[in-house]
Amino acid sequence: MDKIDKNLLALLRINARLSTSELARRLGISRSTVQSRLKRLENRKVISAYTVQYGREYEGKLIRAHVLLQVSQKLTGKAYVILKKMPEITSLYAISGEYDLIAIVTAESTEELSRLLDDIANLAGIERTNSSVILETKFARGMSYYQD
């Protein structure tokens, strides 16, 4: 990956909806060159998706929590499949220690968060949970939260 590819990716991270013409203008290359580079980056699995990033106002109203999950080893696969289908879970990580997974969840209200936490705790294979509500994001590197 060369400097142009890196700059192309940086522009797309800021706004994945930029047109190929706008990308070409900002990079100082032709539109066809942008298209071929995008195709190559997609084929090499450097770019796997183009996604939506919430606006600061909407994002600021959301309630986030970290949910530690202790999972029955026999039902780990089943629990993972169900958790993956829950759109409120924005990411799921396998971790070491007393718990097996940590889920990052998002809700629009405390009531919705409470329901979601109950739903997760009642899933087959989930033996124990421990939740922490995120009160404030001080900074987040490499994440979409509050980028301009």
Foldseek 3Di string as FASTA:
>chain_A
DDPLLVVLVVVCVVPVPDQLCRSCVVSVHDSVVSVVSVVVCCVVVVDVDRDDFDDQVQLVQKKKKKKFFAFAPVCVVVLVVVVVPDPQFPDKDQDDDPGGIITIGIDNDPVRVVVVVVVSCPDPGTDDMDMDIDPDDPDDPPDRHPDD
